[in-house]
Protein backbone atom coordinates (compact mmCIF):
# COMPACT_ATOMS: atom_id res chain seq x y z
CA UNK A 1 0.00 0.00 0.00
CA UNK A 2 1.10 3.61 -0.59
CA UNK A 3 0.41 6.85 1.27
CA UNK A 4 -1.62 9.65 -0.26
CA UNK A 5 1.54 11.74 -0.66
CA UNK A 6 3.20 8.91 -2.59
CA UNK A 7 0.01 8.47 -4.62
CA UNK A 8 0.17 12.12 -5.68
CA UNK A 9 3.88 11.91 -6.49
CA UNK A 10 3.39 8.79 -8.60
CA UNK A 11 0.41 10.07 -10.57
CA UNK A 12 1.36 10.54 -14.24
CA UNK A 13 1.58 14.23 -14.99
CA UNK A 14 1.62 16.83 -17.71
CA UNK A 15 3.21 20.23 -17.28
CA UNK A 16 2.04 23.12 -19.45
CA UNK A 17 3.57 26.12 -17.67
CA UNK A 18 7.30 25.64 -17.51
CA UNK A 19 9.92 28.27 -18.38
CA UNK A 20 12.81 26.61 -20.13
CA UNK A 21 15.68 28.36 -18.34
CA UNK A 22 14.15 27.38 -15.01
CA UNK A 23 14.35 23.65 -15.72
CA UNK A 24 18.07 23.50 -14.99
CA UNK A 25 19.24 22.65 -11.49
CA UNK A 26 20.93 25.26 -9.34
CA UNK A 27 24.12 23.20 -9.58
CA UNK A 28 24.03 23.28 -13.38
CA UNK A 29 23.30 27.00 -13.31
CA UNK A 30 26.41 27.55 -11.19
CA UNK A 31 28.46 25.32 -13.50
CA UNK A 32 27.37 27.20 -16.63
CA UNK A 33 28.00 30.56 -14.96
CA UNK A 34 31.58 29.47 -14.26
CA UNK A 35 31.95 28.19 -17.84
CA UNK A 36 31.02 31.59 -19.28
CA UNK A 37 32.58 33.82 -16.63
CA UNK A 38 29.26 35.05 -15.25
CA UNK A 39 29.78 36.35 -11.73
CA UNK A 40 27.20 35.16 -9.20
CA UNK A 41 26.42 36.69 -5.79
CA UNK A 42 27.02 33.24 -4.26
CA UNK A 43 27.85 29.74 -5.41
CA UNK A 44 25.87 28.11 -2.60
CA UNK A 45 22.81 26.51 -4.25
CA UNK A 46 20.81 26.94 -1.04
CA UNK A 47 21.37 30.70 -0.96
CA UNK A 48 21.28 31.53 -4.65
CA UNK A 49 17.57 32.23 -5.03
CA UNK A 50 15.99 34.13 -2.15
CA UNK A 51 13.11 36.39 -3.18
CA UNK A 52 10.80 38.71 -1.29
CA UNK A 53 8.30 39.13 -4.12
CA UNK A 54 7.62 38.75 -7.85
CA UNK A 55 9.75 41.70 -9.00
CA UNK A 56 12.84 40.32 -7.20
CA UNK A 57 12.24 36.97 -8.84
CA UNK A 58 11.97 38.49 -12.32
CA UNK A 59 15.34 40.21 -11.93
CA UNK A 60 16.93 36.83 -11.18
CA UNK A 61 14.91 35.17 -13.94
CA UNK A 62 16.34 37.54 -16.56
CA UNK A 63 19.83 37.12 -15.13
CA UNK A 64 19.62 33.32 -15.37
CA UNK A 65 19.33 33.46 -19.15
CA UNK A 66 22.84 34.91 -19.31
CA UNK A 67 24.45 31.53 -18.59
CA UNK A 68 22.92 29.94 -21.71
CA UNK A 69 25.19 30.92 -24.59
CA UNK A 70 25.99 28.02 -26.92
CA UNK A 71 24.12 25.06 -28.41
CA UNK A 72 25.58 22.62 -25.90
CA UNK A 73 24.16 24.67 -23.01
CA UNK A 74 20.64 24.67 -24.42
CA UNK A 75 20.68 20.99 -25.33
CA UNK A 76 22.06 19.92 -21.96
CA UNK A 77 19.52 21.95 -19.98
CA UNK A 78 16.73 20.53 -22.12
CA UNK A 79 17.77 16.93 -21.59
CA UNK A 80 18.70 17.12 -17.91
CA UNK A 81 15.48 18.92 -17.00
CA UNK A 82 13.38 16.07 -18.38
CA UNK A 83 15.43 13.43 -16.57
CA UNK A 84 14.92 15.23 -13.26
CA UNK A 85 11.18 15.71 -13.74
CA UNK A 86 10.64 12.04 -14.53
CA UNK A 87 12.38 11.08 -11.29
CA UNK A 88 10.72 13.77 -9.17
CA UNK A 89 7.11 13.36 -10.22
CA UNK A 90 6.44 10.92 -13.06
CA UNK A 91 6.28 13.55 -15.80
CA UNK A 92 4.85 12.23 -19.08
CA UNK A 93 4.42 15.37 -21.21
CA UNK A 94 5.68 18.96 -20.95
CA UNK A 95 5.34 22.25 -22.82
CA UNK A 96 8.12 24.81 -22.52
CA UNK A 97 7.98 28.57 -22.52
CA UNK A 98 10.99 29.83 -24.48
CA UNK A 99 11.65 33.58 -24.69
CA UNK A 100 13.99 34.22 -27.66
CA UNK A 101 13.96 37.97 -26.98
CA UNK A 102 16.05 37.49 -23.84
CA UNK A 103 18.71 35.72 -25.87
CA UNK A 104 18.53 38.17 -28.78
CA UNK A 105 19.90 40.77 -26.38
CA UNK A 106 22.93 38.49 -26.08
CA UNK A 107 23.44 38.09 -29.85
CA UNK A 108 21.65 34.77 -30.36
CA UNK A 109 19.18 34.34 -33.21
CA UNK A 110 15.77 32.68 -32.98
CA UNK A 111 17.09 29.43 -34.46
CA UNK A 112 20.25 29.57 -32.31
CA UNK A 113 17.91 29.16 -29.35
CA UNK A 114 15.06 27.01 -30.63
CA UNK A 115 16.96 24.31 -32.52
CA UNK A 116 19.28 23.03 -29.75
CA UNK A 117 16.39 23.08 -27.28
CA UNK A 118 14.35 20.90 -29.63
CA UNK A 119 17.35 18.60 -30.13
CA UNK A 120 17.77 18.09 -26.39
CA UNK A 121 14.07 17.54 -25.79
CA UNK A 122 13.84 15.08 -28.69
CA UNK A 123 16.73 13.08 -27.25
CA UNK A 124 15.03 13.08 -23.85
CA UNK A 125 11.75 11.97 -25.42
CA UNK A 126 13.56 9.01 -26.97
CA UNK A 127 15.21 8.06 -23.67
CA UNK A 128 12.39 8.78 -21.20
CA UNK A 129 9.19 8.75 -23.28
CA UNK A 130 8.25 12.30 -22.27
CA UNK A 131 6.51 14.15 -25.10
CA UNK A 132 7.00 17.88 -25.55
CA UNK A 133 6.03 21.02 -27.41
CA UNK A 134 7.41 24.58 -27.36
CA UNK A 135 5.49 27.81 -26.75
CA UNK A 136 7.38 30.94 -27.81
CA UNK A 137 7.02 33.74 -25.26
CA UNK A 138 6.75 37.45 -25.90
CA UNK A 139 8.85 39.51 -23.50
CA UNK A 140 6.33 41.95 -22.01
CA UNK A 141 9.14 44.38 -21.18
CA UNK A 142 9.55 44.93 -24.92
CA UNK A 143 7.18 46.85 -27.17
CA UNK A 144 4.30 45.59 -29.29
CA UNK A 145 6.23 45.95 -32.55
CA UNK A 146 8.97 43.61 -31.34
CA UNK A 147 6.30 41.06 -30.44
CA UNK A 148 5.05 41.12 -34.02
CA UNK A 149 8.64 40.69 -35.22
CA UNK A 150 8.97 37.64 -32.97
CA UNK A 151 5.89 36.04 -34.49
CA UNK A 152 7.32 36.72 -37.95
CA UNK A 153 10.43 34.78 -36.88
CA UNK A 154 8.18 31.87 -35.86
CA UNK A 155 6.52 31.99 -39.27
CA UNK A 156 9.82 32.28 -41.15
CA UNK A 157 11.40 29.34 -39.29
CA UNK A 158 8.63 26.78 -38.81
CA UNK A 159 9.32 23.84 -36.55
CA UNK A 160 6.61 21.22 -35.91
CA UNK A 161 7.51 21.23 -32.23
CA UNK A 162 6.82 24.98 -31.91
CA UNK A 163 3.05 25.18 -31.59
CA UNK A 164 2.09 28.21 -29.56
CA UNK A 165 2.57 31.84 -28.56
CA UNK A 166 2.50 33.18 -25.02
CA UNK A 167 3.92 36.04 -22.99
CA UNK A 168 6.01 36.29 -19.83
CA UNK A 169 7.89 38.75 -17.62
CA UNK A 170 6.04 42.03 -16.90
CA UNK A 171 5.83 45.42 -18.58
CA UNK A 172 8.41 48.08 -17.62
CA UNK A 173 5.75 49.33 -15.17
CA UNK A 174 5.55 45.82 -13.64
CA UNK A 175 2.01 45.25 -14.87
CA UNK A 176 0.46 42.56 -17.08
CA UNK A 177 -1.34 44.61 -19.78
CA UNK A 178 -2.04 41.63 -22.11
CA UNK A 179 -3.96 43.72 -24.63
CA UNK A 180 -0.79 45.44 -25.86
CA UNK A 181 -0.04 42.40 -28.00
CA UNK A 182 -3.29 41.95 -29.91
CA UNK A 183 -1.58 42.37 -33.30
CA UNK A 184 1.03 39.71 -32.54
CA UNK A 185 -1.65 37.31 -31.33
CA UNK A 186 -3.81 37.85 -34.39
CA UNK A 187 -0.85 37.16 -36.67
CA UNK A 188 0.05 34.01 -34.74
CA UNK A 189 -3.53 32.75 -34.89
CA UNK A 190 -3.67 33.37 -38.66
CA UNK A 191 -0.65 31.09 -39.06
CA UNK A 192 -2.03 28.25 -36.98
CA UNK A 193 -0.36 28.83 -33.62
CA UNK A 194 -2.31 28.22 -30.43
CA UNK A 195 -2.40 30.96 -27.82
CA UNK A 196 -1.87 31.42 -24.10
CA UNK A 197 -0.88 34.28 -21.77
CA UNK A 198 0.19 35.01 -18.20
CA UNK A 199 -2.69 36.92 -16.59
CA UNK A 200 -4.36 37.40 -13.22
CA UNK A 201 -1.28 36.19 -11.39
CA UNK A 202 -0.90 38.36 -8.28
CA UNK A 203 -2.84 40.72 -6.03
CA UNK A 204 -1.68 43.57 -8.28
CA UNK A 205 -3.34 41.98 -11.32
CA UNK A 206 -7.01 42.30 -12.24
CA UNK A 207 -9.76 39.89 -13.23
CA UNK A 208 -10.24 41.99 -16.36
CA UNK A 209 -6.81 40.92 -17.61
CA UNK A 210 -8.24 37.40 -17.78
CA UNK A 211 -11.20 38.67 -19.81
CA UNK A 212 -8.89 40.54 -22.20
CA UNK A 213 -6.81 37.40 -22.76
CA UNK A 214 -9.93 35.39 -23.58
CA UNK A 215 -11.95 37.90 -25.60
CA UNK A 216 -9.34 40.17 -27.19
CA UNK A 217 -6.30 37.91 -27.56
CA UNK A 218 -8.39 34.80 -28.26
CA UNK A 219 -6.36 32.58 -25.92
CA UNK A 220 -6.94 28.84 -25.98
CA UNK A 221 -5.71 28.47 -22.40
CA UNK A 222 -4.26 30.72 -19.71
CA UNK A 223 -1.34 30.71 -17.30
CA UNK A 224 -2.16 31.49 -13.65
CA UNK A 225 -5.46 33.40 -13.89
CA UNK A 226 -6.04 33.35 -10.13
CA UNK A 227 -7.74 36.74 -9.91
CA UNK A 228 -10.60 35.34 -11.99
CA UNK A 229 -12.34 34.17 -8.81
CA UNK A 230 -13.02 37.83 -7.94
CA UNK A 231 -15.43 38.17 -10.88
CA UNK A 232 -18.18 35.54 -11.26
CA UNK A 233 -19.02 36.73 -14.78
CA UNK A 234 -15.48 36.09 -16.00
CA UNK A 235 -15.48 32.72 -14.22
CA UNK A 236 -18.61 31.84 -16.21
CA UNK A 237 -17.02 33.10 -19.44
CA UNK A 238 -13.93 30.91 -18.98
CA UNK A 239 -15.93 27.89 -17.89
CA UNK A 240 -18.34 28.17 -20.81
CA UNK A 241 -15.47 28.43 -23.29
CA UNK A 242 -13.60 25.50 -21.78
CA UNK A 243 -10.48 27.53 -21.04
CA UNK A 244 -7.78 25.55 -19.26
CA UNK A 245 -5.70 27.19 -16.53
CA UNK A 246 -2.06 26.20 -16.00
CA UNK A 247 -1.74 26.92 -12.28
CA UNK A 248 1.47 26.87 -10.25
CA UNK A 249 0.59 26.48 -6.55
CA UNK A 250 3.95 26.83 -4.83
CA UNK A 251 5.04 29.91 -6.79
CA UNK A 252 2.12 31.81 -5.26
CA UNK A 253 3.70 31.59 -1.82
CA UNK A 254 6.68 33.62 -3.10
CA UNK A 255 5.22 35.85 -5.81
CA UNK A 256 2.08 36.76 -3.86
CA UNK A 257 2.72 35.65 -0.29
CA UNK A 258 -0.38 33.46 -0.29
CA UNK A 259 -0.76 30.56 2.11
CA UNK A 260 -1.46 27.16 0.58
CA UNK A 261 -4.72 26.09 2.24
CA UNK A 262 -8.30 25.11 1.47
CA UNK A 263 -9.22 28.76 0.70
CA UNK A 264 -6.43 29.31 -1.83
CA UNK A 265 -7.50 30.89 -5.10
CA UNK A 266 -6.55 27.74 -7.02
CA UNK A 267 -8.78 25.70 -4.70
CA UNK A 268 -11.59 28.19 -5.37
CA UNK A 269 -11.00 27.88 -9.13
CA UNK A 270 -11.36 24.11 -8.85
CA UNK A 271 -14.54 24.50 -6.81
CA UNK A 272 -15.91 26.90 -9.45
CA UNK A 273 -15.62 24.18 -12.08
CA UNK A 274 -12.68 25.70 -13.96
CA UNK A 275 -10.36 23.31 -15.81
CA UNK A 276 -7.24 23.69 -13.67
CA UNK A 277 -4.02 21.81 -14.37
CA UNK A 278 -0.78 22.10 -12.39
CA UNK A 279 2.80 23.04 -13.30
CA UNK A 280 5.98 24.27 -11.61
CA UNK A 281 6.37 27.62 -13.42
CA UNK A 282 10.05 28.08 -12.47
CA UNK A 283 11.31 25.02 -10.63
CA UNK A 284 14.90 26.14 -10.03
CA UNK A 285 13.95 29.53 -8.62
CA UNK A 286 11.08 28.33 -6.44
CA UNK A 287 12.89 25.17 -5.29
CA UNK A 288 10.06 23.01 -6.44
CA UNK A 289 9.38 20.15 -8.84
CA UNK A 290 6.28 18.70 -10.48
CA UNK A 291 5.96 16.12 -7.71
CA UNK A 292 5.98 18.76 -4.95
CA UNK A 293 3.30 20.79 -6.70
CA UNK A 294 1.00 17.82 -6.12
CA UNK A 295 2.27 16.44 -2.79
CA UNK A 296 2.53 19.85 -1.10
CA UNK A 297 0.50 22.26 -3.21
CA UNK A 298 -2.61 20.25 -4.03
CA UNK A 299 -2.58 18.17 -0.85
CA UNK A 300 -2.60 21.28 1.37
CA UNK A 301 -5.56 22.59 -0.63
CA UNK A 302 -7.50 19.49 0.34
CA UNK A 303 -7.58 18.06 -3.17
CA UNK A 304 -8.97 14.51 -3.24
CA UNK A 305 -7.61 11.61 -5.25
CA UNK A 306 -10.43 11.95 -7.78
CA UNK A 307 -9.79 15.69 -8.10
CA UNK A 308 -6.04 15.11 -8.54
CA UNK A 309 -6.70 12.63 -11.34
CA UNK A 310 -8.99 15.12 -13.06
CA UNK A 311 -6.36 17.85 -12.73
CA UNK A 312 -3.86 15.54 -14.42
CA UNK A 313 -6.34 14.83 -17.22
CA UNK A 314 -7.11 18.55 -17.56
CA UNK A 315 -3.48 19.01 -18.54
CA UNK A 316 -3.98 16.65 -21.47
CA UNK A 317 -7.15 18.45 -22.55
CA UNK A 318 -5.40 21.84 -22.51
CA UNK A 319 -2.17 20.65 -24.15
CA UNK A 320 -1.16 22.01 -27.55
CA UNK A 321 -0.28 18.58 -28.98
CA UNK A 322 -2.43 16.75 -31.55
CA UNK A 323 -5.46 14.59 -30.79
CA UNK A 324 -3.60 11.33 -31.41
CA UNK A 325 -0.99 12.15 -28.78
CA UNK A 326 -3.72 13.24 -26.36
CA UNK A 327 -5.50 9.91 -26.84
CA UNK A 328 -2.29 8.00 -26.08
CA UNK A 329 -1.69 10.08 -22.97
CA UNK A 330 -5.24 9.56 -21.69
CA UNK A 331 -4.97 5.80 -22.12
CA UNK A 332 -1.58 5.79 -20.38
CA UNK A 333 -2.85 7.95 -17.51
CA UNK A 334 -6.02 5.92 -16.92
CA UNK A 335 -4.06 2.67 -16.79
CA UNK A 336 -1.73 4.22 -14.21
CA UNK A 337 -4.70 5.55 -12.23
CA UNK A 338 -6.16 2.06 -11.90
CA UNK A 339 -2.92 0.66 -10.54
CA UNK A 340 -2.44 3.54 -8.11
CA UNK A 341 -6.05 3.43 -6.88
CA UNK A 342 -5.60 -0.25 -6.07
CA UNK A 343 -2.43 0.50 -4.09
CA UNK A 344 -3.68 3.56 -2.14
CA UNK A 345 -4.01 2.92 1.57
CA UNK A 346 -7.50 3.51 2.99
């Protein structure tokens, strides 16, 4: 028999909200910094990432991209991150946020970034059976015109693994403002890309940002979205349209200072009938992994075994892969559920 915590850790999982640079370990980050002569404030992995709030985190997040400079770096981070996630929480499928604009500032082209990442993830898929797709992220600190240019790069350099457009970071004013990028989203949609966006993440965000992402950007799913519970009309809008929400429980304790309990906004989203799935967001920075998001995040919210299984399946429904891959994942997950249910202690 297994405990409920082990049950949650062993559940097969998808991850739809995962920033590529954050999938490396702190030890690998330190190693790559030394390789490229990037000075760090400390080389103690336990002290490297201490944040008081979201803005502090974002400074470190931008800084972390500076240690990724050549194809070997990207490919190694891609491969090693999958290996760790399989061991930590039975990952079966993952979608990566990749922000080429960060690397463009360091002289790397779109393909300099995308191609070695795909190579590393493809090698990991062969070795570990973990499927993947890539979502290109607009840097919200940049202007709307540069976002359109980024989408044009996606169109000019098609890769079957690159399936979506999103946005990360914050504006220079440290706000979300998703509507600034309507033109980029329209262009991406016209060329067959699926759409997502970071909205409604913290107490400083608004429920209306969620509405803008759904109605004006035409998003297929959303990242975070927690402020939606403050507006029942927007909850109904998202529920009626079947919008999936890629939630990241443990990041909310740092970025927003929220306590993980049975009144957490993610718990309230689940209770409202929204299609929540769970991811790490930025595992290295938040000292988390996909297993902990379930064993600590969901468990402290009072999520039941049946709810946890549905959350795992919601990740398949909201994924940007094709229907055939979704069908294979569902069959795989349901077989694993049966075995785990039989082993769960009463």
